[in-house]
Amino acid sequence: MITTGTTTIVTKPLPVSVKKIWEEKQKISLSRERRATRILGIIMGVFVACWLPFFLMYVIVPFCKSCELSRETVNFITWLGYMNSAINPLIYCGFNRDFRRAFQKIILCKNV
């Protein structure tokens, strides 16, 4: 029974088959949400791992008089950040079937 203001609606319990279908859809939805959360976590983790050294370097080095980084270290940290852009398509290909198919078409020069 559902009461809204002055109106009362009497509802019947759902048949078992409809209830099972609804529960199965809920499980599938929850599974997709978990997968999306995991993929987002991986993408964010890789982003932080690639760009955090770059930003820390440019925040700490100007204020640290004794911190002298070699040119090679600065280049490595900078290119580590740039590598994030190269790693992202690989992550997406690993976890997204549609992206994988499109990427294969591009790499193999197949007509779309």
N, C-alpha and C. Protein backbone atom coordinates (compact mmCIF):
# COMPACT_ATOMS: atom_id res chain seq x y z
N MET A 1 0.84 -1.16 0.00
CA MET A 1 0.00 0.00 0.00
C MET A 1 0.90 1.24 0.00
N ILE A 2 0.59 2.19 -0.87
CA ILE A 2 1.34 3.44 -0.97
C ILE A 2 0.38 4.57 -0.67
N THR A 3 0.77 5.46 0.27
CA THR A 3 -0.07 6.60 0.61
C THR A 3 0.68 7.87 0.25
N THR A 4 0.04 8.71 -0.58
CA THR A 4 0.60 10.00 -0.95
C THR A 4 -0.43 11.06 -0.65
N GLY A 5 -0.22 11.83 0.41
CA GLY A 5 -1.18 12.86 0.78
C GLY A 5 -2.49 12.23 1.20
N THR A 6 -3.54 12.49 0.44
CA THR A 6 -4.87 11.95 0.77
C THR A 6 -5.22 10.74 -0.08
N THR A 7 -4.34 10.38 -1.02
CA THR A 7 -4.61 9.26 -1.91
C THR A 7 -3.87 8.01 -1.43
N THR A 8 -4.57 6.89 -1.41
CA THR A 8 -3.97 5.61 -1.03
C THR A 8 -4.07 4.66 -2.22
N ILE A 9 -2.95 4.09 -2.59
CA ILE A 9 -2.92 3.14 -3.70
C ILE A 9 -2.58 1.77 -3.13
N VAL A 10 -3.39 0.80 -3.45
CA VAL A 10 -3.15 -0.56 -2.99
C VAL A 10 -2.38 -1.28 -4.09
N THR A 11 -1.21 -1.82 -3.73
CA THR A 11 -0.40 -2.53 -4.71
C THR A 11 -0.38 -4.01 -4.38
N LYS A 12 -0.30 -4.81 -5.42
CA LYS A 12 -0.21 -6.25 -5.25
C LYS A 12 1.26 -6.65 -5.28
N PRO A 13 1.64 -7.70 -4.57
CA PRO A 13 3.01 -8.15 -4.65
C PRO A 13 3.33 -8.63 -6.07
N LEU A 14 4.58 -8.43 -6.47
CA LEU A 14 4.99 -8.83 -7.81
C LEU A 14 5.03 -10.35 -7.91
N PRO A 15 4.67 -10.89 -9.07
CA PRO A 15 4.83 -12.33 -9.26
C PRO A 15 6.31 -12.72 -9.13
N VAL A 16 6.53 -13.97 -8.78
CA VAL A 16 7.89 -14.44 -8.53
C VAL A 16 8.77 -14.25 -9.75
N SER A 17 8.28 -14.53 -10.94
CA SER A 17 9.10 -14.43 -12.15
C SER A 17 9.52 -12.99 -12.42
N VAL A 18 8.62 -12.05 -12.21
CA VAL A 18 8.95 -10.63 -12.41
C VAL A 18 9.96 -10.20 -11.38
N LYS A 19 9.81 -10.66 -10.15
CA LYS A 19 10.74 -10.31 -9.08
C LYS A 19 12.13 -10.85 -9.39
N LYS A 20 12.22 -12.07 -9.90
CA LYS A 20 13.52 -12.65 -10.25
C LYS A 20 14.18 -11.88 -11.37
N ILE A 21 13.40 -11.50 -12.37
CA ILE A 21 13.94 -10.72 -13.48
C ILE A 21 14.46 -9.38 -12.97
N TRP A 22 13.71 -8.74 -12.11
CA TRP A 22 14.13 -7.45 -11.55
C TRP A 22 15.41 -7.61 -10.74
N GLU A 23 15.51 -8.66 -9.92
CA GLU A 23 16.71 -8.90 -9.13
C GLU A 23 17.91 -9.18 -10.04
N GLU A 24 17.71 -9.91 -11.12
CA GLU A 24 18.79 -10.20 -12.06
C GLU A 24 19.29 -8.93 -12.73
N LYS A 25 18.35 -8.05 -13.10
CA LYS A 25 18.75 -6.77 -13.69
C LYS A 25 19.54 -5.93 -12.70
N GLN A 26 19.15 -5.97 -11.44
CA GLN A 26 19.87 -5.24 -10.39
C GLN A 26 21.29 -5.77 -10.25
N LYS A 27 21.46 -7.10 -10.30
CA LYS A 27 22.78 -7.71 -10.19
C LYS A 27 23.67 -7.29 -11.37
N ILE A 28 23.09 -7.30 -12.56
CA ILE A 28 23.84 -6.91 -13.75
C ILE A 28 24.25 -5.44 -13.64
N SER A 29 23.33 -4.60 -13.21
CA SER A 29 23.61 -3.17 -13.05
C SER A 29 24.72 -2.95 -12.03
N LEU A 30 24.65 -3.64 -10.92
CA LEU A 30 25.67 -3.52 -9.88
C LEU A 30 27.02 -4.01 -10.40
N SER A 31 27.02 -5.08 -11.17
CA SER A 31 28.26 -5.61 -11.74
C SER A 31 28.89 -4.59 -12.69
N ARG A 32 28.07 -3.95 -13.51
CA ARG A 32 28.58 -2.92 -14.44
C ARG A 32 29.14 -1.73 -13.68
N GLU A 33 28.46 -1.33 -12.62
CA GLU A 33 28.94 -0.20 -11.83
C GLU A 33 30.28 -0.53 -11.17
N ARG A 34 30.42 -1.74 -10.66
CA ARG A 34 31.71 -2.15 -10.06
C ARG A 34 32.82 -2.14 -11.10
N ARG A 35 32.52 -2.65 -12.27
CA ARG A 35 33.52 -2.68 -13.35
C ARG A 35 33.92 -1.26 -13.74
N ALA A 36 32.95 -0.38 -13.88
CA ALA A 36 33.25 1.01 -14.24
C ALA A 36 34.07 1.67 -13.14
N THR A 37 33.77 1.39 -11.90
CA THR A 37 34.53 1.96 -10.79
C THR A 37 35.97 1.46 -10.81
N ARG A 38 36.14 0.17 -11.10
CA ARG A 38 37.49 -0.39 -11.14
C ARG A 38 38.30 0.24 -12.28
N ILE A 39 37.68 0.37 -13.45
CA ILE A 39 38.37 0.97 -14.59
C ILE A 39 38.73 2.42 -14.30
N LEU A 40 37.80 3.16 -13.72
CA LEU A 40 38.07 4.56 -13.37
C LEU A 40 39.21 4.65 -12.36
N GLY A 41 39.24 3.73 -11.40
CA GLY A 41 40.32 3.70 -10.42
C GLY A 41 41.67 3.45 -11.08
N ILE A 42 41.71 2.55 -12.05
CA ILE A 42 42.96 2.27 -12.77
C ILE A 42 43.39 3.49 -13.56
N ILE A 43 42.46 4.10 -14.27
CA ILE A 43 42.79 5.29 -15.07
C ILE A 43 43.31 6.42 -14.18
N MET A 44 42.63 6.67 -13.07
CA MET A 44 43.07 7.72 -12.15
C MET A 44 44.41 7.38 -11.50
N GLY A 45 44.61 6.11 -11.16
CA GLY A 45 45.88 5.69 -10.57
C GLY A 45 47.05 5.90 -11.51
N VAL A 46 46.86 5.53 -12.77
CA VAL A 46 47.92 5.74 -13.77
C VAL A 46 48.17 7.23 -13.98
N PHE A 47 47.10 8.01 -14.03
CA PHE A 47 47.25 9.46 -14.18
C PHE A 47 48.09 10.05 -13.04
N VAL A 48 47.75 9.68 -11.82
CA VAL A 48 48.48 10.21 -10.66
C VAL A 48 49.93 9.74 -10.68
N ALA A 49 50.15 8.47 -11.00
CA ALA A 49 51.52 7.93 -11.04
C ALA A 49 52.36 8.64 -12.10
N CYS A 50 51.75 9.01 -13.21
CA CYS A 50 52.49 9.66 -14.29
C CYS A 50 52.72 11.15 -14.05
N TRP A 51 51.74 11.85 -13.52
CA TRP A 51 51.83 13.30 -13.41
C TRP A 51 52.25 13.83 -12.04
N LEU A 52 52.09 13.06 -10.99
CA LEU A 52 52.45 13.55 -9.66
C LEU A 52 53.93 13.94 -9.55
N PRO A 53 54.87 13.13 -10.06
CA PRO A 53 56.28 13.56 -9.97
C PRO A 53 56.53 14.90 -10.67
N PHE A 54 55.89 15.11 -11.80
CA PHE A 54 56.05 16.36 -12.56
C PHE A 54 55.61 17.56 -11.72
N PHE A 55 54.40 17.47 -11.17
CA PHE A 55 53.88 18.60 -10.40
C PHE A 55 54.64 18.80 -9.10
N LEU A 56 55.03 17.72 -8.45
CA LEU A 56 55.83 17.86 -7.23
C LEU A 56 57.17 18.51 -7.53
N MET A 57 57.78 18.13 -8.64
CA MET A 57 59.07 18.71 -9.02
C MET A 57 58.93 20.23 -9.18
N TYR A 58 57.91 20.68 -9.87
CA TYR A 58 57.77 22.11 -10.12
C TYR A 58 57.24 22.89 -8.91
N VAL A 59 56.74 22.20 -7.89
CA VAL A 59 56.32 22.88 -6.68
C VAL A 59 57.45 22.91 -5.65
N ILE A 60 58.22 21.84 -5.54
CA ILE A 60 59.25 21.74 -4.50
C ILE A 60 60.57 22.39 -4.90
N VAL A 61 61.03 22.14 -6.12
CA VAL A 61 62.37 22.60 -6.53
C VAL A 61 62.55 24.12 -6.41
N PRO A 62 61.60 24.96 -6.76
CA PRO A 62 61.83 26.40 -6.63
C PRO A 62 62.05 26.87 -5.18
N PHE A 63 61.51 26.14 -4.23
CA PHE A 63 61.63 26.53 -2.83
C PHE A 63 62.75 25.80 -2.10
N CYS A 64 63.35 24.82 -2.72
CA CYS A 64 64.41 24.03 -2.08
C CYS A 64 65.75 24.45 -2.69
N LYS A 65 66.56 25.14 -1.89
CA LYS A 65 67.84 25.64 -2.38
C LYS A 65 68.84 24.52 -2.66
N SER A 66 68.77 23.44 -1.90
CA SER A 66 69.73 22.35 -2.06
C SER A 66 69.27 21.29 -3.05
N CYS A 67 68.07 21.43 -3.60
CA CYS A 67 67.54 20.43 -4.54
C CYS A 67 67.97 20.78 -5.96
N GLU A 68 68.94 20.06 -6.45
CA GLU A 68 69.40 20.24 -7.83
C GLU A 68 69.14 18.95 -8.59
N LEU A 69 68.29 19.01 -9.58
CA LEU A 69 68.00 17.84 -10.39
C LEU A 69 68.76 17.91 -11.70
N SER A 70 69.28 16.77 -12.12
CA SER A 70 70.00 16.75 -13.39
C SER A 70 69.02 16.95 -14.54
N ARG A 71 69.55 17.33 -15.66
CA ARG A 71 68.71 17.55 -16.84
C ARG A 71 68.00 16.26 -17.26
N GLU A 72 68.71 15.12 -17.10
CA GLU A 72 68.12 13.82 -17.44
C GLU A 72 66.93 13.51 -16.54
N THR A 73 67.04 13.82 -15.25
CA THR A 73 65.94 13.58 -14.32
C THR A 73 64.73 14.43 -14.66
N VAL A 74 64.98 15.69 -14.96
CA VAL A 74 63.88 16.59 -15.33
C VAL A 74 63.21 16.08 -16.61
N ASN A 75 64.00 15.67 -17.58
CA ASN A 75 63.45 15.14 -18.83
C ASN A 75 62.65 13.86 -18.58
N PHE A 76 63.18 12.97 -17.74
CA PHE A 76 62.48 11.73 -17.44
C PHE A 76 61.14 12.01 -16.78
N ILE A 77 61.12 12.90 -15.80
CA ILE A 77 59.88 13.22 -15.10
C ILE A 77 58.87 13.86 -16.05
N THR A 78 59.34 14.73 -16.92
CA THR A 78 58.46 15.37 -17.89
C THR A 78 57.89 14.34 -18.86
N TRP A 79 58.73 13.46 -19.38
CA TRP A 79 58.25 12.46 -20.33
C TRP A 79 57.38 11.41 -19.66
N LEU A 80 57.58 11.18 -18.37
CA LEU A 80 56.69 10.28 -17.63
C LEU A 80 55.26 10.82 -17.67
N GLY A 81 55.12 12.12 -17.51
CA GLY A 81 53.80 12.74 -17.61
C GLY A 81 53.22 12.62 -19.00
N TYR A 82 54.06 12.82 -20.01
CA TYR A 82 53.59 12.69 -21.39
C TYR A 82 53.18 11.26 -21.71
N MET A 83 53.83 10.29 -21.09
CA MET A 83 53.53 8.89 -21.34
C MET A 83 52.10 8.52 -20.93
N ASN A 84 51.53 9.29 -20.04
CA ASN A 84 50.14 9.05 -19.65
C ASN A 84 49.22 9.06 -20.87
N SER A 85 49.50 9.96 -21.80
CA SER A 85 48.67 10.05 -23.01
C SER A 85 48.85 8.82 -23.89
N ALA A 86 50.01 8.19 -23.83
CA ALA A 86 50.24 6.98 -24.62
C ALA A 86 49.66 5.74 -23.93
N ILE A 87 49.60 5.77 -22.61
CA ILE A 87 49.11 4.62 -21.85
C ILE A 87 47.58 4.56 -21.86
N ASN A 88 46.91 5.69 -21.86
CA ASN A 88 45.44 5.71 -21.80
C ASN A 88 44.76 4.86 -22.87
N PRO A 89 45.14 4.96 -24.15
CA PRO A 89 44.48 4.11 -25.14
C PRO A 89 44.67 2.62 -24.85
N LEU A 90 45.82 2.25 -24.30
CA LEU A 90 46.05 0.84 -23.97
C LEU A 90 45.15 0.39 -22.83
N ILE A 91 44.95 1.25 -21.85
CA ILE A 91 44.04 0.93 -20.75
C ILE A 91 42.62 0.77 -21.28
N TYR A 92 42.18 1.72 -22.11
CA TYR A 92 40.83 1.65 -22.65
C TYR A 92 40.65 0.40 -23.51
N CYS A 93 41.66 0.04 -24.30
CA CYS A 93 41.57 -1.17 -25.13
C CYS A 93 41.47 -2.42 -24.26
N GLY A 94 42.13 -2.41 -23.14
CA GLY A 94 42.10 -3.56 -22.27
C GLY A 94 40.75 -3.78 -21.59
N PHE A 95 39.98 -2.72 -21.41
CA PHE A 95 38.75 -2.83 -20.63
C PHE A 95 37.46 -2.53 -21.39
N ASN A 96 37.54 -1.99 -22.58
CA ASN A 96 36.33 -1.60 -23.31
C ASN A 96 36.31 -2.28 -24.67
N ARG A 97 35.36 -3.16 -24.88
CA ARG A 97 35.27 -3.94 -26.12
C ARG A 97 35.06 -3.03 -27.34
N ASP A 98 34.19 -2.03 -27.23
CA ASP A 98 33.93 -1.13 -28.36
C ASP A 98 35.18 -0.33 -28.72
N PHE A 99 35.88 0.17 -27.72
CA PHE A 99 37.10 0.92 -27.97
C PHE A 99 38.14 0.02 -28.61
N ARG A 100 38.22 -1.24 -28.16
CA ARG A 100 39.18 -2.20 -28.70
C ARG A 100 38.92 -2.44 -30.18
N ARG A 101 37.65 -2.62 -30.54
CA ARG A 101 37.31 -2.85 -31.96
C ARG A 101 37.67 -1.64 -32.82
N ALA A 102 37.34 -0.46 -32.35
CA ALA A 102 37.66 0.76 -33.11
C ALA A 102 39.17 0.93 -33.23
N PHE A 103 39.89 0.66 -32.16
CA PHE A 103 41.35 0.79 -32.18
C PHE A 103 41.96 -0.20 -33.17
N GLN A 104 41.44 -1.43 -33.20
CA GLN A 104 41.94 -2.43 -34.15
C GLN A 104 41.68 -2.00 -35.58
N LYS A 105 40.53 -1.41 -35.84
CA LYS A 105 40.24 -0.93 -37.19
C LYS A 105 41.23 0.16 -37.60
N ILE A 106 41.55 1.04 -36.68
CA ILE A 106 42.51 2.11 -36.99
C ILE A 106 43.90 1.55 -37.22
N ILE A 107 44.35 0.66 -36.32
CA ILE A 107 45.69 0.12 -36.42
C ILE A 107 45.85 -0.76 -37.68
N LEU A 108 44.83 -1.54 -37.99
CA LEU A 108 44.90 -2.45 -39.14
C LEU A 108 44.46 -1.79 -40.44
N CYS A 109 44.14 -0.49 -40.39
CA CYS A 109 43.74 0.30 -41.56
C CYS A 109 42.54 -0.30 -42.29
N LYS A 110 41.57 -0.77 -41.50
CA LYS A 110 40.34 -1.29 -42.11
C LYS A 110 39.37 -0.13 -42.31
N ASN A 111 38.56 -0.22 -43.36
CA ASN A 111 37.56 0.81 -43.61
C ASN A 111 36.48 0.74 -42.55
N VAL A 112 36.04 1.89 -42.13
CA VAL A 112 35.02 1.96 -41.07
C VAL A 112 33.66 1.75 -41.62
